[in-house]
Amino acid sequence: MVSTGLQVCNTAWSNQSGKLNTGRGNFWFHGTLAQTMFNTVLPPNAKLYPWAFCASAAIGDAEFVTANSNHPGGVNILMADGSVRFAKDSINQAAWWALGTRANGEVISSDSY
């Protein structure tokens, strides 16, 4: 389902159709989807997915919102404790997913991201 949704988004990007946002690193102060808020479905600054936000009727209610930035090599992320950390583009996918959860109880060392 996720891979189908990502395919739909890439096709929409190629055709310049659908709800897409390309604001990589822009408007970070707005506090809206694809500007400040994101999900951890895709790694930061995902190279295979040039859009920052994608929603399509073809993927139901799903929205893909990538963490993206103009910082070289990664993104700054605000943690729930109020600290700001730098997550590398090369972060392990399992560690990135774990950073996006609150209830699975993972313990993630800072050298994982």
C-alpha atoms as a PDB file:
ATOM      1  CA  MET A   1       0.000   0.000   0.000  1.00  0.00           C
ATOM      2  CA  VAL A   2       2.773   2.437   0.919  1.00  0.00           C
ATOM      3  CA  SER A   3       4.830   1.642  -2.167  1.00  0.00           C
ATOM      4  CA  THR A   4       1.725   2.075  -4.345  1.00  0.00           C
ATOM      5  CA  GLY A   5       1.071   5.448  -2.732  1.00  0.00           C
ATOM      6  CA  LEU A   6       4.662   6.521  -3.330  1.00  0.00           C
ATOM      7  CA  GLN A   7       4.365   5.471  -6.972  1.00  0.00           C
ATOM      8  CA  VAL A   8       1.190   7.548  -7.295  1.00  0.00           C
ATOM      9  CA  CYS A   9       2.992  10.563  -5.812  1.00  0.00           C
ATOM     10  CA  ASN A  10       5.985  10.210  -8.136  1.00  0.00           C
ATOM     11  CA  THR A  11       3.648   9.905 -11.135  1.00  0.00           C
ATOM     12  CA  ALA A  12       1.772  13.021 -10.003  1.00  0.00           C
ATOM     13  CA  TRP A  13       5.126  14.795  -9.652  1.00  0.00           C
ATOM     14  CA  SER A  14       6.122  13.794 -13.193  1.00  0.00           C
ATOM     15  CA  ASN A  15       2.752  14.948 -14.556  1.00  0.00           C
ATOM     16  CA  GLN A  16       2.642  18.044 -12.324  1.00  0.00           C
ATOM     17  CA  SER A  17      -0.807  17.061 -11.065  1.00  0.00           C
ATOM     18  CA  GLY A  18      -2.316  16.403  -7.662  1.00  0.00           C
ATOM     19  CA  LYS A  19      -1.583  17.924  -4.271  1.00  0.00           C
ATOM     20  CA  LEU A  20       2.178  18.297  -4.182  1.00  0.00           C
ATOM     21  CA  ASN A  21       4.432  20.686  -2.342  1.00  0.00           C
ATOM     22  CA  THR A  22       8.050  21.230  -3.272  1.00  0.00           C
ATOM     23  CA  GLY A  23       8.941  23.641  -0.488  1.00  0.00           C
ATOM     24  CA  ARG A  24      12.162  21.983   0.622  1.00  0.00           C
ATOM     25  CA  GLY A  25      13.359  23.984   3.595  1.00  0.00           C
ATOM     26  CA  ASN A  26      10.980  26.893   2.904  1.00  0.00           C
ATOM     27  CA  PHE A  27       8.485  28.416   5.317  1.00  0.00           C
ATOM     28  CA  TRP A  28       9.682  26.374   8.306  1.00  0.00           C
ATOM     29  CA  PHE A  29       8.019  28.866  10.659  1.00  0.00           C
ATOM     30  CA  HIS A  30       4.447  28.197   9.431  1.00  0.00           C
ATOM     31  CA  GLY A  31       3.892  25.063  11.515  1.00  0.00           C
ATOM     32  CA  THR A  32       1.902  23.265   8.822  1.00  0.00           C
ATOM     33  CA  LEU A  33       2.303  19.974   6.966  1.00  0.00           C
ATOM     34  CA  ALA A  34       5.355  19.934   4.711  1.00  0.00           C
ATOM     35  CA  GLN A  35       6.529  23.184   6.245  1.00  0.00           C
ATOM     36  CA  THR A  36       7.246  22.128   9.838  1.00  0.00           C
ATOM     37  CA  MET A  37       5.362  18.904  10.563  1.00  0.00           C
ATOM     38  CA  PHE A  38       6.346  15.650   8.871  1.00  0.00           C
ATOM     39  CA  ASN A  39       6.016  11.897   9.222  1.00  0.00           C
ATOM     40  CA  THR A  40       8.825   9.365   9.206  1.00  0.00           C
ATOM     41  CA  VAL A  41       7.581   7.170   6.353  1.00  0.00           C
ATOM     42  CA  LEU A  42      10.455   8.366   4.161  1.00  0.00           C
ATOM     43  CA  PRO A  43      13.976   9.234   5.299  1.00  0.00           C
ATOM     44  CA  PRO A  44      15.022  12.901   5.524  1.00  0.00           C
ATOM     45  CA  ASN A  45      15.653  14.643   2.189  1.00  0.00           C
ATOM     46  CA  ALA A  46      14.623  11.466   0.334  1.00  0.00           C
ATOM     47  CA  LYS A  47      16.352  11.630  -3.053  1.00  0.00           C
ATOM     48  CA  LEU A  48      13.924   9.246  -4.790  1.00  0.00           C
ATOM     49  CA  TYR A  49      10.996  11.483  -3.867  1.00  0.00           C
ATOM     50  CA  PRO A  50      11.593  15.118  -4.948  1.00  0.00           C
ATOM     51  CA  TRP A  51       8.355  16.409  -3.393  1.00  0.00           C
ATOM     52  CA  ALA A  52       7.995  17.414   0.252  1.00  0.00           C
ATOM     53  CA  PHE A  53       4.264  16.683   0.563  1.00  0.00           C
ATOM     54  CA  CYS A  54       1.907  14.448  -1.370  1.00  0.00           C
ATOM     55  CA  ALA A  55      -1.773  13.665  -0.925  1.00  0.00           C
ATOM     56  CA  SER A  56      -3.861  11.923  -3.531  1.00  0.00           C
ATOM     57  CA  ALA A  57      -7.375  10.501  -3.741  1.00  0.00           C
ATOM     58  CA  ALA A  58      -5.739   7.412  -5.226  1.00  0.00           C
ATOM     59  CA  ILE A  59      -4.081   6.667  -1.880  1.00  0.00           C
ATOM     60  CA  GLY A  60      -7.122   7.316   0.290  1.00  0.00           C
ATOM     61  CA  ASP A  61      -6.540   9.496   3.306  1.00  0.00           C
ATOM     62  CA  ALA A  62      -2.781   8.906   3.305  1.00  0.00           C
ATOM     63  CA  GLU A  63      -0.389  11.808   3.149  1.00  0.00           C
ATOM     64  CA  PHE A  64       3.349  11.589   2.756  1.00  0.00           C
ATOM     65  CA  VAL A  65       5.212  14.453   4.360  1.00  0.00           C
ATOM     66  CA  THR A  66       8.994  14.255   4.281  1.00  0.00           C
ATOM     67  CA  ALA A  67      11.411  15.950   6.635  1.00  0.00           C
ATOM     68  CA  ASN A  68      13.396  18.141   4.295  1.00  0.00           C
ATOM     69  CA  SER A  69      15.896  20.906   4.556  1.00  0.00           C
ATOM     70  CA  ASN A  70      18.464  22.938   2.704  1.00  0.00           C
ATOM     71  CA  HIS A  71      21.061  21.917   5.308  1.00  0.00           C
ATOM     72  CA  PRO A  72      23.703  19.736   3.683  1.00  0.00           C
ATOM     73  CA  GLY A  73      23.525  16.118   4.795  1.00  0.00           C
ATOM     74  CA  GLY A  74      20.402  16.132   6.948  1.00  0.00           C
ATOM     75  CA  VAL A  75      17.648  17.955   8.802  1.00  0.00           C
ATOM     76  CA  ASN A  76      17.183  19.602  12.177  1.00  0.00           C
ATOM     77  CA  ILE A  77      14.393  17.917  14.143  1.00  0.00           C
ATOM     78  CA  LEU A  78      12.623  19.139  17.253  1.00  0.00           C
ATOM     79  CA  MET A  79      12.273  16.393  19.848  1.00  0.00           C
ATOM     80  CA  ALA A  80       9.377  16.050  22.294  1.00  0.00           C
ATOM     81  CA  ASP A  81      11.640  17.169  25.167  1.00  0.00           C
ATOM     82  CA  GLY A  82      12.251  20.494  23.399  1.00  0.00           C
ATOM     83  CA  SER A  83      15.772  19.711  22.230  1.00  0.00           C
ATOM     84  CA  VAL A  84      16.818  20.089  18.605  1.00  0.00           C
ATOM     85  CA  ARG A  85      18.917  17.383  16.964  1.00  0.00           C
ATOM     86  CA  PHE A  86      20.434  16.921  13.547  1.00  0.00           C
ATOM     87  CA  ALA A  87      19.313  13.754  11.735  1.00  0.00           C
ATOM     88  CA  LYS A  88      21.536  12.652   8.848  1.00  0.00           C
ATOM     89  CA  ASP A  89      20.101  11.848   5.432  1.00  0.00           C
ATOM     90  CA  SER A  90      21.814   8.466   5.759  1.00  0.00           C
ATOM     91  CA  ILE A  91      19.914   7.523   8.950  1.00  0.00           C
ATOM     92  CA  ASN A  92      18.994   3.870   9.280  1.00  0.00           C
ATOM     93  CA  GLN A  93      15.321   3.464   8.271  1.00  0.00           C
ATOM     94  CA  ALA A  94      14.460   1.474  11.423  1.00  0.00           C
ATOM     95  CA  ALA A  95      15.961   4.194  13.641  1.00  0.00           C
ATOM     96  CA  TRP A  96      14.057   6.883  11.693  1.00  0.00           C
ATOM     97  CA  TRP A  97      10.783   4.996  12.108  1.00  0.00           C
ATOM     98  CA  ALA A  98      11.512   4.548  15.816  1.00  0.00           C
ATOM     99  CA  LEU A  99      12.067   8.298  16.195  1.00  0.00           C
ATOM    100  CA  GLY A 100       8.593   8.772  14.734  1.00  0.00           C
ATOM    101  CA  THR A 101       6.813   6.680  17.364  1.00  0.00           C
ATOM    102  CA  ARG A 102       6.015   7.265  20.990  1.00  0.00           C
ATOM    103  CA  ALA A 103       4.457   4.040  22.189  1.00  0.00           C
ATOM    104  CA  ASN A 104       6.752   1.276  20.989  1.00  0.00           C
ATOM    105  CA  GLY A 105       9.276   1.854  23.747  1.00  0.00           C
ATOM    106  CA  GLU A 106      12.393   1.845  21.570  1.00  0.00           C
ATOM    107  CA  VAL A 107      15.557   3.156  23.122  1.00  0.00           C
ATOM    108  CA  ILE A 108      17.535   5.001  20.456  1.00  0.00           C
ATOM    109  CA  SER A 109      21.081   6.120  21.077  1.00  0.00           C
ATOM    110  CA  SER A 110      22.066   9.492  19.646  1.00  0.00           C
ATOM    111  CA  ASP A 111      24.714   7.860  17.429  1.00  0.00           C
ATOM    112  CA  SER A 112      21.865   6.182  15.485  1.00  0.00           C
ATOM    113  CA  TYR A 113      20.918   9.425  13.827  1.00  0.00           C
END
